[in-house]
Amino acid sequence: MAVSANQIIRLTQAFNEAMAVQNWDQIKVLDEDCRMLVASLSSDYSRDLDLVAALQQLQAVYQKLIPVCEAERKQLAIELIQMNHAQQGIDCYRGVKS
């Protein structure tokens, strides 16, 4: 299957939309789609200038996405730690050892 610039453009747009609303489930699906598309690129894709431009736009999205995902992961880790501490406090209050 030959990958077209339009496929990459649609994928890039979908990534931007999912990032805008922080739809992590959709981002995961799109990332898997991206991996499949990139894996199916032919070795001579660089001759298609539209495809190269679309891939560069997709790369720019990933450059924005990575720090956003890292920040979300850190925030979730903080929330999990806080929940764990709260649970330990509840257990201590109830006299249960963890």
N, C-alpha and C. Protein backbone atom coordinates (compact mmCIF):
# COMPACT_ATOMS: atom_id res chain seq x y z
N MET A 1 0.84 -1.18 0.00
CA MET A 1 0.00 0.00 0.00
C MET A 1 0.88 1.24 0.00
N ALA A 2 0.67 2.09 -0.97
CA ALA A 2 1.41 3.34 -1.03
C ALA A 2 0.75 4.37 -0.11
N VAL A 3 1.57 5.03 0.65
CA VAL A 3 1.07 6.06 1.57
C VAL A 3 0.98 7.37 0.81
N SER A 4 -0.14 8.05 0.95
CA SER A 4 -0.33 9.33 0.26
C SER A 4 -0.16 10.49 1.23
N ALA A 5 0.13 11.63 0.65
CA ALA A 5 0.25 12.85 1.45
C ALA A 5 -1.07 13.15 2.14
N ASN A 6 -2.19 12.87 1.47
CA ASN A 6 -3.50 13.13 2.06
C ASN A 6 -3.74 12.30 3.31
N GLN A 7 -3.27 11.05 3.31
CA GLN A 7 -3.41 10.22 4.51
C GLN A 7 -2.65 10.84 5.68
N ILE A 8 -1.45 11.30 5.41
CA ILE A 8 -0.63 11.90 6.47
C ILE A 8 -1.25 13.21 6.93
N ILE A 9 -1.77 13.99 6.00
CA ILE A 9 -2.40 15.27 6.36
C ILE A 9 -3.62 15.02 7.25
N ARG A 10 -4.46 14.04 6.88
CA ARG A 10 -5.63 13.72 7.70
C ARG A 10 -5.21 13.24 9.09
N LEU A 11 -4.16 12.43 9.14
CA LEU A 11 -3.66 11.95 10.43
C LEU A 11 -3.15 13.12 11.27
N THR A 12 -2.44 14.03 10.66
CA THR A 12 -1.93 15.21 11.37
C THR A 12 -3.08 16.05 11.91
N GLN A 13 -4.10 16.26 11.11
CA GLN A 13 -5.27 17.02 11.56
C GLN A 13 -5.96 16.32 12.73
N ALA A 14 -6.08 15.01 12.64
CA ALA A 14 -6.72 14.25 13.72
C ALA A 14 -5.90 14.34 15.00
N PHE A 15 -4.58 14.30 14.88
CA PHE A 15 -3.71 14.46 16.05
C PHE A 15 -3.94 15.84 16.68
N ASN A 16 -3.97 16.87 15.86
CA ASN A 16 -4.17 18.22 16.38
C ASN A 16 -5.50 18.35 17.10
N GLU A 17 -6.55 17.77 16.53
CA GLU A 17 -7.87 17.82 17.17
C GLU A 17 -7.88 17.06 18.49
N ALA A 18 -7.27 15.89 18.51
CA ALA A 18 -7.22 15.09 19.75
C ALA A 18 -6.38 15.78 20.82
N MET A 19 -5.29 16.42 20.40
CA MET A 19 -4.45 17.14 21.37
C MET A 19 -5.19 18.32 21.96
N ALA A 20 -5.98 19.00 21.13
CA ALA A 20 -6.70 20.19 21.59
C ALA A 20 -7.65 19.87 22.74
N VAL A 21 -8.22 18.67 22.73
CA VAL A 21 -9.16 18.29 23.79
C VAL A 21 -8.57 17.25 24.74
N GLN A 22 -7.29 16.98 24.57
CA GLN A 22 -6.56 16.01 25.40
C GLN A 22 -7.29 14.66 25.44
N ASN A 23 -7.63 14.17 24.26
CA ASN A 23 -8.28 12.87 24.13
C ASN A 23 -7.19 11.81 24.00
N TRP A 24 -6.73 11.32 25.15
CA TRP A 24 -5.58 10.42 25.18
C TRP A 24 -5.89 9.08 24.53
N ASP A 25 -7.11 8.61 24.63
CA ASP A 25 -7.48 7.35 23.97
C ASP A 25 -7.36 7.50 22.45
N GLN A 26 -7.85 8.61 21.94
CA GLN A 26 -7.76 8.86 20.49
C GLN A 26 -6.31 9.04 20.07
N ILE A 27 -5.51 9.71 20.87
CA ILE A 27 -4.10 9.90 20.55
C ILE A 27 -3.39 8.55 20.47
N LYS A 28 -3.73 7.64 21.36
CA LYS A 28 -3.12 6.30 21.32
C LYS A 28 -3.46 5.60 20.01
N VAL A 29 -4.72 5.67 19.61
CA VAL A 29 -5.15 5.04 18.35
C VAL A 29 -4.43 5.69 17.17
N LEU A 30 -4.36 7.01 17.18
CA LEU A 30 -3.70 7.72 16.08
C LEU A 30 -2.21 7.39 16.03
N ASP A 31 -1.58 7.23 17.18
CA ASP A 31 -0.17 6.87 17.21
C ASP A 31 0.04 5.49 16.58
N GLU A 32 -0.85 4.56 16.88
CA GLU A 32 -0.76 3.23 16.26
C GLU A 32 -0.97 3.32 14.75
N ASP A 33 -1.93 4.15 14.33
CA ASP A 33 -2.15 4.35 12.89
C ASP A 33 -0.90 4.94 12.24
N CYS A 34 -0.29 5.89 12.92
CA CYS A 34 0.91 6.54 12.40
C CYS A 34 2.04 5.52 12.23
N ARG A 35 2.22 4.67 13.22
CA ARG A 35 3.27 3.65 13.14
C ARG A 35 3.06 2.75 11.92
N MET A 36 1.81 2.36 11.67
CA MET A 36 1.52 1.50 10.52
C MET A 36 1.79 2.23 9.20
N LEU A 37 1.38 3.50 9.13
CA LEU A 37 1.61 4.25 7.90
C LEU A 37 3.10 4.44 7.64
N VAL A 38 3.83 4.81 8.67
CA VAL A 38 5.27 5.03 8.50
C VAL A 38 5.96 3.72 8.11
N ALA A 39 5.54 2.63 8.71
CA ALA A 39 6.14 1.33 8.38
C ALA A 39 5.88 0.93 6.93
N SER A 40 4.78 1.42 6.38
CA SER A 40 4.44 1.04 5.01
C SER A 40 4.97 2.02 3.96
N LEU A 41 5.73 3.02 4.39
CA LEU A 41 6.32 3.95 3.42
C LEU A 41 7.29 3.19 2.51
N SER A 42 7.25 3.52 1.24
CA SER A 42 8.20 2.90 0.32
C SER A 42 9.55 3.61 0.47
N SER A 43 10.58 2.95 0.03
CA SER A 43 11.92 3.50 0.20
C SER A 43 12.15 4.75 -0.64
N ASP A 44 11.34 4.96 -1.65
CA ASP A 44 11.52 6.14 -2.51
C ASP A 44 10.51 7.26 -2.21
N TYR A 45 9.99 7.26 -0.98
CA TYR A 45 8.99 8.28 -0.61
C TYR A 45 9.54 9.70 -0.75
N SER A 46 10.85 9.86 -0.63
CA SER A 46 11.44 11.21 -0.66
C SER A 46 11.28 11.88 -2.02
N ARG A 47 10.89 11.14 -3.03
CA ARG A 47 10.67 11.73 -4.35
C ARG A 47 9.33 12.46 -4.42
N ASP A 48 8.43 12.13 -3.51
CA ASP A 48 7.11 12.76 -3.46
C ASP A 48 7.19 13.94 -2.50
N LEU A 49 7.36 15.12 -3.06
CA LEU A 49 7.58 16.31 -2.23
C LEU A 49 6.37 16.64 -1.36
N ASP A 50 5.16 16.37 -1.84
CA ASP A 50 3.97 16.60 -1.02
C ASP A 50 3.97 15.67 0.19
N LEU A 51 4.36 14.43 -0.03
CA LEU A 51 4.43 13.46 1.06
C LEU A 51 5.50 13.86 2.07
N VAL A 52 6.63 14.31 1.59
CA VAL A 52 7.70 14.76 2.48
C VAL A 52 7.22 15.94 3.33
N ALA A 53 6.54 16.89 2.71
CA ALA A 53 6.02 18.06 3.44
C ALA A 53 5.00 17.62 4.49
N ALA A 54 4.13 16.67 4.12
CA ALA A 54 3.12 16.18 5.07
C ALA A 54 3.80 15.47 6.23
N LEU A 55 4.83 14.69 5.96
CA LEU A 55 5.57 14.00 7.02
C LEU A 55 6.26 15.00 7.95
N GLN A 56 6.76 16.08 7.39
CA GLN A 56 7.38 17.12 8.22
C GLN A 56 6.35 17.77 9.14
N GLN A 57 5.14 17.97 8.64
CA GLN A 57 4.07 18.52 9.49
C GLN A 57 3.70 17.55 10.59
N LEU A 58 3.66 16.27 10.26
CA LEU A 58 3.37 15.24 11.26
C LEU A 58 4.47 15.20 12.31
N GLN A 59 5.70 15.33 11.88
CA GLN A 59 6.82 15.36 12.82
C GLN A 59 6.69 16.55 13.77
N ALA A 60 6.27 17.69 13.26
CA ALA A 60 6.09 18.88 14.10
C ALA A 60 5.01 18.63 15.15
N VAL A 61 3.96 17.91 14.78
CA VAL A 61 2.90 17.58 15.75
C VAL A 61 3.48 16.71 16.86
N TYR A 62 4.27 15.72 16.49
CA TYR A 62 4.89 14.86 17.50
C TYR A 62 5.82 15.65 18.41
N GLN A 63 6.52 16.63 17.85
CA GLN A 63 7.40 17.45 18.68
C GLN A 63 6.61 18.25 19.71
N LYS A 64 5.38 18.62 19.38
CA LYS A 64 4.51 19.29 20.35
C LYS A 64 3.86 18.29 21.30
N LEU A 65 3.53 17.12 20.77
CA LEU A 65 2.80 16.11 21.53
C LEU A 65 3.64 15.50 22.65
N ILE A 66 4.89 15.26 22.41
CA ILE A 66 5.73 14.57 23.40
C ILE A 66 5.79 15.33 24.72
N PRO A 67 6.09 16.63 24.74
CA PRO A 67 6.10 17.32 26.04
C PRO A 67 4.73 17.38 26.70
N VAL A 68 3.67 17.46 25.91
CA VAL A 68 2.31 17.47 26.47
C VAL A 68 2.03 16.13 27.16
N CYS A 69 2.41 15.04 26.51
CA CYS A 69 2.22 13.71 27.11
C CYS A 69 3.06 13.54 28.37
N GLU A 70 4.29 14.03 28.33
CA GLU A 70 5.15 13.93 29.51
C GLU A 70 4.57 14.71 30.67
N ALA A 71 4.04 15.89 30.40
CA ALA A 71 3.43 16.70 31.46
C ALA A 71 2.20 16.01 32.03
N GLU A 72 1.40 15.41 31.17
CA GLU A 72 0.21 14.69 31.62
C GLU A 72 0.61 13.49 32.48
N ARG A 73 1.63 12.78 32.05
CA ARG A 73 2.11 11.62 32.81
C ARG A 73 2.58 12.06 34.20
N LYS A 74 3.32 13.16 34.27
CA LYS A 74 3.79 13.67 35.56
C LYS A 74 2.62 14.06 36.45
N GLN A 75 1.62 14.71 35.86
CA GLN A 75 0.45 15.12 36.64
C GLN A 75 -0.30 13.91 37.18
N LEU A 76 -0.44 12.89 36.36
CA LEU A 76 -1.10 11.67 36.81
C LEU A 76 -0.32 10.99 37.92
N ALA A 77 1.01 11.00 37.82
CA ALA A 77 1.84 10.41 38.87
C ALA A 77 1.65 11.15 40.18
N ILE A 78 1.59 12.47 40.12
CA ILE A 78 1.36 13.28 41.33
C ILE A 78 0.01 12.93 41.94
N GLU A 79 -1.01 12.83 41.10
CA GLU A 79 -2.35 12.50 41.60
C GLU A 79 -2.37 11.11 42.23
N LEU A 80 -1.68 10.15 41.63
CA LEU A 80 -1.63 8.80 42.21
C LEU A 80 -0.92 8.80 43.56
N ILE A 81 0.15 9.56 43.67
CA ILE A 81 0.86 9.66 44.95
C ILE A 81 -0.04 10.28 46.00
N GLN A 82 -0.76 11.33 45.63
CA GLN A 82 -1.67 11.97 46.57
C GLN A 82 -2.78 11.02 47.00
N MET A 83 -3.30 10.25 46.07
CA MET A 83 -4.34 9.29 46.41
C MET A 83 -3.79 8.21 47.34
N ASN A 84 -2.57 7.77 47.08
CA ASN A 84 -1.94 6.76 47.92
C ASN A 84 -1.74 7.29 49.33
N HIS A 85 -1.28 8.52 49.45
CA HIS A 85 -1.09 9.14 50.77
C HIS A 85 -2.43 9.28 51.50
N ALA A 86 -3.45 9.67 50.76
CA ALA A 86 -4.77 9.80 51.38
C ALA A 86 -5.27 8.44 51.87
N GLN A 87 -5.06 7.41 51.06
CA GLN A 87 -5.48 6.06 51.47
C GLN A 87 -4.70 5.61 52.69
N GLN A 88 -3.41 5.92 52.75
CA GLN A 88 -2.61 5.57 53.92
C GLN A 88 -3.13 6.28 55.16
N GLY A 89 -3.53 7.53 55.00
CA GLY A 89 -4.11 8.27 56.12
C GLY A 89 -5.41 7.65 56.59
N ILE A 90 -6.24 7.24 55.65
CA ILE A 90 -7.50 6.59 56.01
C ILE A 90 -7.23 5.28 56.73
N ASP A 91 -6.29 4.49 56.19
CA ASP A 91 -5.95 3.21 56.82
C ASP A 91 -5.40 3.42 58.23
N CYS A 92 -4.57 4.44 58.38
CA CYS A 92 -4.00 4.74 59.70
C CYS A 92 -5.11 5.13 60.67
N TYR A 93 -6.03 5.94 60.21
CA TYR A 93 -7.14 6.38 61.04
C TYR A 93 -7.99 5.19 61.48
N ARG A 94 -8.18 4.27 60.57
CA ARG A 94 -8.99 3.09 60.87
C ARG A 94 -8.21 2.04 61.67
N GLY A 95 -6.91 2.25 61.80
CA GLY A 95 -6.09 1.30 62.54
C GLY A 95 -5.62 0.12 61.71
N VAL A 96 -5.64 0.29 60.39
CA VAL A 96 -5.19 -0.77 59.49
C VAL A 96 -3.76 -0.47 59.07
N LYS A 97 -2.90 -1.47 59.13
CA LYS A 97 -1.52 -1.27 58.68
C LYS A 97 -1.43 -1.63 57.21
N SER A 98 -0.63 -0.81 56.48
CA SER A 98 -0.47 -1.10 55.05
C SER A 98 0.79 -1.87 54.78
